[in-house]
Amino acid sequence: MDKNTAIREAQLRRIEASLVAMHQAEQVLKKEKRNELCQPTHWN
C-alpha cells in the first residue's frame, strides 16, 4: 500500500469515527427530549 492510499484510509477512518460520534450524540439528545416530553412540567 503506497503512502497516498494510507493517508486516504486514515482520513476515511477519521470521517467515519466523527460520523459515528455525531450519530451517538444525536441519539442521546433524542432520548433526553423524549424524557422531557414524558414528564409533565408540574413535576419539576
N, C-alpha and C. Protein backbone atom coordinates (compact mmCIF):
# COMPACT_ATOMS: atom_id res chain seq x y z
N MET A 1 0.85 -1.20 0.00
CA MET A 1 0.00 0.00 0.00
C MET A 1 0.89 1.25 0.00
N ASP A 2 0.67 2.14 -0.96
CA ASP A 2 1.51 3.34 -1.02
C ASP A 2 1.03 4.39 -0.02
N LYS A 3 1.83 5.44 0.09
CA LYS A 3 1.58 6.46 1.11
C LYS A 3 0.24 7.16 0.91
N ASN A 4 -0.10 7.50 -0.33
CA ASN A 4 -1.36 8.20 -0.60
C ASN A 4 -2.57 7.36 -0.19
N THR A 5 -2.48 6.07 -0.47
CA THR A 5 -3.59 5.18 -0.10
C THR A 5 -3.73 5.13 1.42
N ALA A 6 -2.60 5.05 2.10
CA ALA A 6 -2.61 5.00 3.57
C ALA A 6 -3.23 6.27 4.14
N ILE A 7 -2.86 7.42 3.57
CA ILE A 7 -3.40 8.70 4.02
C ILE A 7 -4.91 8.74 3.79
N ARG A 8 -5.34 8.30 2.61
CA ARG A 8 -6.77 8.29 2.29
C ARG A 8 -7.54 7.39 3.26
N GLU A 9 -6.96 6.22 3.56
CA GLU A 9 -7.59 5.29 4.51
C GLU A 9 -7.74 5.94 5.88
N ALA A 10 -6.70 6.62 6.32
CA ALA A 10 -6.72 7.27 7.63
C ALA A 10 -7.79 8.37 7.67
N GLN A 11 -7.89 9.14 6.59
CA GLN A 11 -8.90 10.20 6.52
C GLN A 11 -10.30 9.62 6.55
N LEU A 12 -10.52 8.54 5.80
CA LEU A 12 -11.84 7.90 5.78
C LEU A 12 -12.21 7.39 7.17
N ARG A 13 -11.23 6.80 7.85
CA ARG A 13 -11.49 6.27 9.18
C ARG A 13 -11.84 7.39 10.15
N ARG A 14 -11.15 8.53 10.01
CA ARG A 14 -11.41 9.67 10.88
C ARG A 14 -12.81 10.23 10.64
N ILE A 15 -13.19 10.33 9.35
CA ILE A 15 -14.53 10.83 8.99
C ILE A 15 -15.59 9.88 9.54
N GLU A 16 -15.35 8.58 9.38
CA GLU A 16 -16.30 7.58 9.85
C GLU A 16 -16.47 7.69 11.37
N ALA A 17 -15.37 7.86 12.08
CA ALA A 17 -15.43 7.97 13.53
C ALA A 17 -16.22 9.20 13.96
N SER A 18 -16.04 10.31 13.26
CA SER A 18 -16.76 11.53 13.63
C SER A 18 -18.25 11.40 13.31
N LEU A 19 -18.58 10.69 12.23
CA LEU A 19 -19.99 10.45 11.90
C LEU A 19 -20.65 9.58 12.97
N VAL A 20 -19.93 8.57 13.43
CA VAL A 20 -20.46 7.70 14.48
C VAL A 20 -20.68 8.51 15.75
N ALA A 21 -19.72 9.36 16.09
CA ALA A 21 -19.84 10.19 17.29
C ALA A 21 -21.04 11.13 17.19
N MET A 22 -21.23 11.72 16.01
CA MET A 22 -22.36 12.62 15.79
C MET A 22 -23.67 11.85 15.95
N HIS A 23 -23.72 10.64 15.40
CA HIS A 23 -24.93 9.82 15.48
C HIS A 23 -25.26 9.49 16.94
N GLN A 24 -24.22 9.14 17.71
CA GLN A 24 -24.44 8.80 19.11
C GLN A 24 -24.93 10.01 19.89
N ALA A 25 -24.35 11.17 19.62
CA ALA A 25 -24.78 12.40 20.29
C ALA A 25 -26.23 12.71 19.96
N GLU A 26 -26.60 12.48 18.71
CA GLU A 26 -27.98 12.71 18.27
C GLU A 26 -28.95 11.79 19.01
N GLN A 27 -28.56 10.53 19.18
CA GLN A 27 -29.40 9.57 19.90
C GLN A 27 -29.61 10.02 21.34
N VAL A 28 -28.55 10.50 21.98
CA VAL A 28 -28.63 10.96 23.37
C VAL A 28 -29.58 12.15 23.46
N LEU A 29 -29.45 13.09 22.53
CA LEU A 29 -30.33 14.27 22.53
C LEU A 29 -31.79 13.86 22.35
N LYS A 30 -32.03 12.94 21.44
CA LYS A 30 -33.41 12.47 21.21
C LYS A 30 -33.98 11.83 22.46
N LYS A 31 -33.14 11.04 23.14
CA LYS A 31 -33.60 10.35 24.34
C LYS A 31 -33.94 11.37 25.43
N GLU A 32 -33.09 12.39 25.59
CA GLU A 32 -33.34 13.43 26.59
C GLU A 32 -34.62 14.18 26.27
N LYS A 33 -34.82 14.49 25.00
CA LYS A 33 -36.01 15.23 24.58
C LYS A 33 -37.26 14.40 24.86
N ARG A 34 -37.18 13.09 24.60
CA ARG A 34 -38.31 12.20 24.83
C ARG A 34 -38.63 12.14 26.33
N ASN A 35 -37.59 12.11 27.16
CA ASN A 35 -37.80 12.09 28.61
C ASN A 35 -38.50 13.36 29.08
N GLU A 36 -38.10 14.50 28.51
CA GLU A 36 -38.74 15.77 28.87
C GLU A 36 -40.21 15.76 28.49
N LEU A 37 -40.52 15.20 27.32
CA LEU A 37 -41.91 15.15 26.85
C LEU A 37 -42.75 14.23 27.73
N CYS A 38 -42.16 13.17 28.24
CA CYS A 38 -42.90 12.20 29.03
C CYS A 38 -43.25 12.73 30.41
N GLN A 39 -42.41 13.63 30.94
CA GLN A 39 -42.64 14.14 32.28
C GLN A 39 -43.41 15.46 32.24
N PRO A 40 -44.56 15.51 32.86
CA PRO A 40 -45.30 16.79 32.94
C PRO A 40 -44.46 17.84 33.66
N THR A 41 -44.57 19.08 33.22
CA THR A 41 -43.71 20.15 33.75
C THR A 41 -43.99 20.42 35.22
N HIS A 42 -45.22 20.17 35.70
CA HIS A 42 -45.52 20.49 37.09
C HIS A 42 -44.85 19.52 38.07
N TRP A 43 -44.23 18.46 37.55
CA TRP A 43 -43.49 17.54 38.42
C TRP A 43 -42.14 18.10 38.82
N ASN A 44 -41.63 19.02 38.01
CA ASN A 44 -40.27 19.53 38.24
C ASN A 44 -40.19 20.38 39.49
